[in-house]
Amino acid sequence: MNRIEKKFRDLKKENRKAFIVFITAGYPDLEVTRKLILEFSKEGVDIIELGIPFSDPLADGPIIQEASQVALKNNVHLRDILSLVKKIRRQVDTPIVFMTYYNPLFCFGEERFVRAAKDCGVDGVIIPDLPPEEGRSFLDLASKSCIDTILFISPTTTQARMKFISYLSRGFIYYVSLTGVTGPRQRLPMDLKYNISIVKKLTNKPICVGFGVSSRKQVEQIYRIADGVIIGSAIVKKIRDNIGKSDLIEKTVNFVKSLQV
């Protein structure tokens, strides 16, 4: 049982839902990332998702795209983020998930990445541009090392494919709330509740909703229908708005706390 499985088991016992936050690793620098991970863990964030900077983040909107570009310009590489996680594991037991695209893993080497991720204390990985049919070798490698490969279901996913993805996904299922890229939205899709109910009939694995979530009200709405919520762009925007300010960490953490239910 890895940290993600244990987390959802504990949440179920406590009748709570998962509060998952995303930040781009190395934005605006690795020291800010380190401090935010420590503070998020102290504030009871259930799972921390670290975005691996990539030049062509297909699933991400302009806010996260910009953050990735800044991190890349600062020469933040996958090996640097792995090293950061390894160091921070001495202080933090919160589950950590990497959100990356396949190209960085391919260049790093699948087996090498899985070994390094296991050694550093990474608990899961999300790869938006790796279809499970094409990624069976990686899924097998990760599974053998107790690293969860978290797969996507979207509003356009057929029920037959939902069953397939539900079978393969480990840790939890990432439900993409809308057809589009990441970024804050004023309201949740009207069909979200119905779509989640369909997925729930097909699997007993935890379902966490991401893309577009940016307010406490939306978090409350998602908690009524799913097992957890993932918030990313709204947090990365808060970081962007406070770059260069001495209270960047404090303001970002306070914003995250304001979203918690």
Protein backbone atom coordinates (compact mmCIF):
# COMPACT_ATOMS: atom_id res chain seq x y z
CA MET A 1 0.00 0.00 0.00
CA ASN A 2 1.57 3.29 -1.07
CA ARG A 3 0.81 6.74 0.35
CA ILE A 4 -1.99 7.49 -2.11
CA GLU A 5 -3.92 4.31 -1.34
CA LYS A 6 -3.41 4.87 2.38
CA LYS A 7 -4.59 8.48 2.05
CA PHE A 8 -7.88 7.51 0.41
CA ARG A 9 -8.40 4.72 2.90
CA ASP A 10 -7.93 7.18 5.77
CA LEU A 11 -10.17 9.79 4.12
CA LYS A 12 -12.94 7.23 3.75
CA LYS A 13 -12.70 6.31 7.43
CA GLU A 14 -12.91 10.00 8.35
CA ASN A 15 -15.76 10.65 5.88
CA ARG A 16 -13.69 13.32 4.15
CA LYS A 17 -12.88 14.15 0.55
CA ALA A 18 -9.42 14.62 -0.96
CA PHE A 19 -8.07 18.14 -1.38
CA ILE A 20 -5.36 18.01 -4.05
CA VAL A 21 -3.25 20.98 -5.15
CA PHE A 22 -1.12 21.43 -8.24
CA ILE A 23 1.89 23.70 -8.67
CA THR A 24 4.46 23.87 -11.44
CA ALA A 25 7.75 22.60 -10.02
CA GLY A 26 10.47 25.23 -10.27
CA TYR A 27 8.07 28.15 -10.67
CA PRO A 28 9.28 30.74 -10.04
CA ASP A 29 12.17 28.68 -8.62
CA LEU A 30 12.81 25.42 -6.80
CA GLU A 31 13.18 27.09 -3.40
CA VAL A 32 9.64 28.47 -3.62
CA THR A 33 8.45 25.02 -4.65
CA ARG A 34 10.17 23.48 -1.63
CA LYS A 35 8.65 25.99 0.79
CA LEU A 36 5.18 25.57 -0.69
CA ILE A 37 5.32 21.78 -0.39
CA LEU A 38 6.27 22.09 3.27
CA GLU A 39 3.48 24.59 3.97
CA PHE A 40 0.84 22.68 2.02
CA SER A 41 1.70 19.58 4.02
CA LYS A 42 1.36 21.49 7.30
CA GLU A 43 -2.03 22.85 6.23
CA GLY A 44 -3.50 19.44 5.58
CA VAL A 45 -3.37 19.27 1.79
CA ASP A 46 -4.05 15.60 1.05
CA ILE A 47 -2.02 15.14 -2.15
CA ILE A 48 0.48 17.47 -3.82
CA GLU A 49 0.74 17.37 -7.59
CA LEU A 50 3.96 18.71 -9.11
CA GLY A 51 3.90 19.73 -12.75
CA ILE A 52 7.09 18.86 -14.62
CA PRO A 53 7.97 21.82 -16.88
CA PHE A 54 7.63 20.97 -20.57
CA SER A 55 7.82 23.08 -23.71
CA ASP A 56 4.54 21.80 -25.23
CA PRO A 57 2.04 21.16 -22.42
CA LEU A 58 -0.96 20.20 -24.57
CA ALA A 59 -3.51 19.87 -21.75
CA ASP A 60 -2.56 23.09 -19.99
CA GLY A 61 -3.95 26.58 -20.43
CA PRO A 62 -1.97 29.83 -20.60
CA ILE A 63 -1.33 30.17 -16.86
CA ILE A 64 0.44 26.83 -16.48
CA GLN A 65 2.06 27.16 -19.91
CA GLU A 66 3.65 30.41 -18.78
CA ALA A 67 4.83 28.84 -15.51
CA SER A 68 6.44 25.97 -17.43
CA GLN A 69 8.26 28.38 -19.72
CA VAL A 70 9.66 30.34 -16.77
CA ALA A 71 10.86 27.14 -15.08
CA LEU A 72 12.48 25.93 -18.29
CA LYS A 73 14.26 29.27 -18.77
CA ASN A 74 15.61 28.80 -15.24
CA ASN A 75 17.01 25.41 -16.32
CA VAL A 76 14.75 23.35 -14.06
CA HIS A 77 15.01 19.73 -15.18
CA LEU A 78 13.34 16.48 -14.18
CA ARG A 79 16.44 15.36 -12.26
CA ASP A 80 16.31 18.58 -10.19
CA ILE A 81 12.68 17.94 -9.23
CA LEU A 82 13.41 14.33 -8.32
CA SER A 83 16.26 15.54 -6.12
CA LEU A 84 13.96 18.07 -4.45
CA VAL A 85 11.39 15.39 -3.63
CA LYS A 86 14.08 13.12 -2.23
CA LYS A 87 15.31 15.85 0.11
CA ILE A 88 11.84 16.92 1.20
CA ARG A 89 10.77 13.35 2.00
CA ARG A 90 12.75 13.70 5.24
CA GLN A 91 10.16 16.25 6.39
CA VAL A 92 6.97 15.45 4.47
CA ASP A 93 4.89 12.29 4.26
CA THR A 94 2.14 13.80 2.08
CA PRO A 95 1.60 11.84 -1.17
CA ILE A 96 3.37 13.49 -4.12
CA VAL A 97 2.30 12.98 -7.73
CA PHE A 98 4.15 14.10 -10.85
CA MET A 99 2.10 15.53 -13.72
CA THR A 100 4.31 15.21 -16.75
CA TYR A 101 4.19 14.68 -20.47
CA TYR A 102 5.68 11.61 -22.05
CA ASN A 103 8.58 13.30 -23.83
CA PRO A 104 10.55 14.10 -20.63
CA LEU A 105 10.06 10.49 -19.45
CA PHE A 106 11.08 9.11 -22.84
CA CYS A 107 14.25 11.20 -22.85
CA PHE A 108 15.01 10.26 -19.24
CA GLY A 109 14.22 6.59 -19.89
CA GLU A 110 11.16 4.78 -18.55
CA GLU A 111 13.03 2.28 -16.37
CA ARG A 112 15.45 4.92 -15.12
CA PHE A 113 12.58 7.24 -14.25
CA VAL A 114 10.62 4.60 -12.36
CA ARG A 115 13.71 3.61 -10.35
CA ALA A 116 14.52 7.24 -9.57
CA ALA A 117 10.91 8.11 -8.70
CA LYS A 118 10.69 5.14 -6.35
CA ASP A 119 13.99 6.04 -4.71
CA CYS A 120 13.00 9.69 -4.26
CA GLY A 121 9.56 9.03 -2.80
CA VAL A 122 7.24 9.88 -5.71
CA ASP A 123 3.89 8.12 -5.23
CA GLY A 124 2.14 8.57 -8.56
CA VAL A 125 2.38 9.96 -12.06
CA ILE A 126 -0.09 11.54 -14.48
CA ILE A 127 0.81 11.57 -18.19
CA PRO A 128 -1.90 13.34 -20.23
CA ASP A 129 -0.46 12.51 -23.66
CA LEU A 130 0.23 8.81 -23.08
CA PRO A 131 -2.80 6.69 -24.02
CA PRO A 132 -2.93 3.55 -21.89
CA GLU A 133 -2.81 1.36 -25.01
CA GLU A 134 0.57 2.91 -25.86
CA GLY A 135 1.80 3.01 -22.29
CA ARG A 136 1.41 -0.55 -21.08
CA SER A 137 5.16 -1.01 -20.59
CA PHE A 138 5.32 2.09 -18.42
CA LEU A 139 2.18 1.13 -16.47
CA ASP A 140 3.67 -2.29 -15.77
CA LEU A 141 7.00 -0.83 -14.63
CA ALA A 142 5.28 1.68 -12.37
CA SER A 143 2.94 -0.91 -10.87
CA LYS A 144 5.84 -3.21 -9.97
CA SER A 145 7.43 -0.29 -8.08
CA CYS A 146 4.17 0.67 -6.31
CA ILE A 147 3.95 3.95 -8.23
CA ASP A 148 0.38 4.76 -9.21
CA THR A 149 -0.34 5.70 -12.81
CA ILE A 150 -3.38 7.96 -12.67
CA LEU A 151 -5.46 8.05 -15.86
CA PHE A 152 -8.00 10.52 -17.25
CA ILE A 153 -11.69 10.22 -17.96
CA SER A 154 -13.36 13.16 -19.71
CA PRO A 155 -16.90 14.17 -20.74
CA THR A 156 -16.28 12.64 -24.17
CA THR A 157 -15.08 9.25 -22.91
CA THR A 158 -17.34 6.37 -23.94
CA GLN A 159 -18.61 3.97 -21.28
CA ALA A 160 -16.64 1.10 -22.79
CA ARG A 161 -13.47 3.14 -22.52
CA MET A 162 -14.40 4.29 -19.00
CA LYS A 163 -14.36 0.62 -17.94
CA PHE A 164 -10.98 0.11 -19.60
CA ILE A 165 -9.45 3.21 -17.98
CA SER A 166 -11.00 2.43 -14.60
CA TYR A 167 -9.42 -1.02 -14.67
CA LEU A 168 -5.95 0.34 -15.44
CA SER A 169 -5.88 3.53 -13.37
CA ARG A 170 -4.15 3.29 -10.01
CA GLY A 171 -4.49 5.56 -6.97
CA PHE A 172 -7.50 7.44 -8.28
CA ILE A 173 -9.23 8.40 -11.51
CA TYR A 174 -8.68 11.95 -12.70
CA TYR A 175 -11.98 13.23 -14.08
CA VAL A 176 -11.49 16.16 -16.45
CA SER A 177 -14.51 18.35 -15.78
CA LEU A 178 -14.67 19.97 -19.21
CA THR A 179 -13.61 19.72 -22.83
CA GLY A 180 -10.68 22.09 -23.00
CA VAL A 181 -7.47 22.98 -21.22
CA THR A 182 -6.69 23.88 -17.62
CA GLY A 183 -7.58 27.31 -16.30
CA PRO A 184 -9.98 28.94 -13.81
CA ARG A 185 -13.68 28.93 -14.77
CA GLN A 186 -16.54 30.91 -13.26
CA ARG A 187 -18.82 27.89 -12.97
CA LEU A 188 -18.71 24.13 -13.22
CA PRO A 189 -20.19 22.32 -16.25
CA MET A 190 -23.91 21.64 -15.99
CA ASP A 191 -23.47 17.95 -16.80
CA LEU A 192 -20.72 17.27 -14.25
CA LYS A 193 -22.95 15.57 -11.67
CA TYR A 194 -24.52 13.32 -14.29
CA ASN A 195 -21.17 12.40 -15.82
CA ILE A 196 -19.64 11.54 -12.45
CA SER A 197 -22.64 9.35 -11.62
CA ILE A 198 -21.99 7.30 -14.75
CA VAL A 199 -18.34 6.76 -13.84
CA LYS A 200 -19.29 5.78 -10.29
CA LYS A 201 -21.51 3.00 -11.64
CA LEU A 202 -18.50 1.53 -13.44
CA THR A 203 -15.82 1.65 -10.74
CA ASN A 204 -15.28 1.75 -7.00
CA LYS A 205 -11.97 3.60 -7.36
CA PRO A 206 -11.78 7.19 -6.05
CA ILE A 207 -12.79 9.84 -8.59
CA CYS A 208 -11.20 13.29 -8.30
CA VAL A 209 -12.29 16.25 -10.40
CA GLY A 210 -9.92 18.78 -11.91
CA PHE A 211 -9.70 21.46 -14.64
CA GLY A 212 -11.42 24.79 -14.09
CA VAL A 213 -11.84 24.66 -10.31
CA SER A 214 -11.03 28.01 -8.72
CA SER A 215 -13.37 28.76 -5.79
CA ARG A 216 -14.50 27.37 -2.45
CA LYS A 217 -18.06 27.12 -3.75
CA GLN A 218 -16.91 24.91 -6.61
CA VAL A 219 -14.95 22.75 -4.18
CA GLU A 220 -18.11 22.29 -2.09
CA GLN A 221 -20.10 21.36 -5.19
CA ILE A 222 -17.53 18.76 -6.26
CA TYR A 223 -17.31 17.26 -2.77
CA ARG A 224 -21.03 16.42 -3.00
CA ILE A 225 -20.53 14.23 -6.06
CA ALA A 226 -16.90 13.03 -6.17
CA ASP A 227 -14.14 11.75 -3.91
CA GLY A 228 -11.80 14.68 -4.28
CA VAL A 229 -10.94 17.91 -6.03
CA ILE A 230 -7.80 19.07 -7.86
CA ILE A 231 -6.96 22.78 -8.04
CA GLY A 232 -4.07 24.01 -10.17
CA SER A 233 -4.26 27.09 -12.37
CA ALA A 234 -5.88 29.26 -9.70
CA ILE A 235 -2.97 28.50 -7.36
CA VAL A 236 -0.33 29.01 -10.04
CA LYS A 237 -1.97 32.36 -10.85
CA LYS A 238 -1.74 33.38 -7.18
CA ILE A 239 1.98 32.56 -7.30
CA ARG A 240 2.38 34.58 -10.50
CA ASP A 241 0.60 37.58 -9.01
CA ASN A 242 3.00 37.63 -6.06
CA ILE A 243 6.36 36.92 -7.67
CA GLY A 244 9.00 39.22 -6.22
CA LYS A 245 7.01 39.90 -3.06
CA SER A 246 8.33 38.86 0.34
CA ASP A 247 4.99 37.32 1.31
CA LEU A 248 4.53 35.15 -1.80
CA ILE A 249 4.48 31.94 0.26
CA GLU A 250 2.09 33.36 2.86
CA LYS A 251 -0.36 34.71 0.29
CA THR A 252 -0.34 31.49 -1.73
CA VAL A 253 -0.86 29.32 1.35
CA ASN A 254 -3.65 31.59 2.61
CA PHE A 255 -5.36 31.32 -0.77
CA VAL A 256 -5.16 27.52 -0.61
CA LYS A 257 -6.56 27.57 2.93
CA SER A 258 -9.46 29.73 1.72
CA LEU A 259 -10.44 26.98 -0.72
CA GLN A 260 -10.41 24.16 1.81
CA VAL A 261 -13.77 22.95 3.09
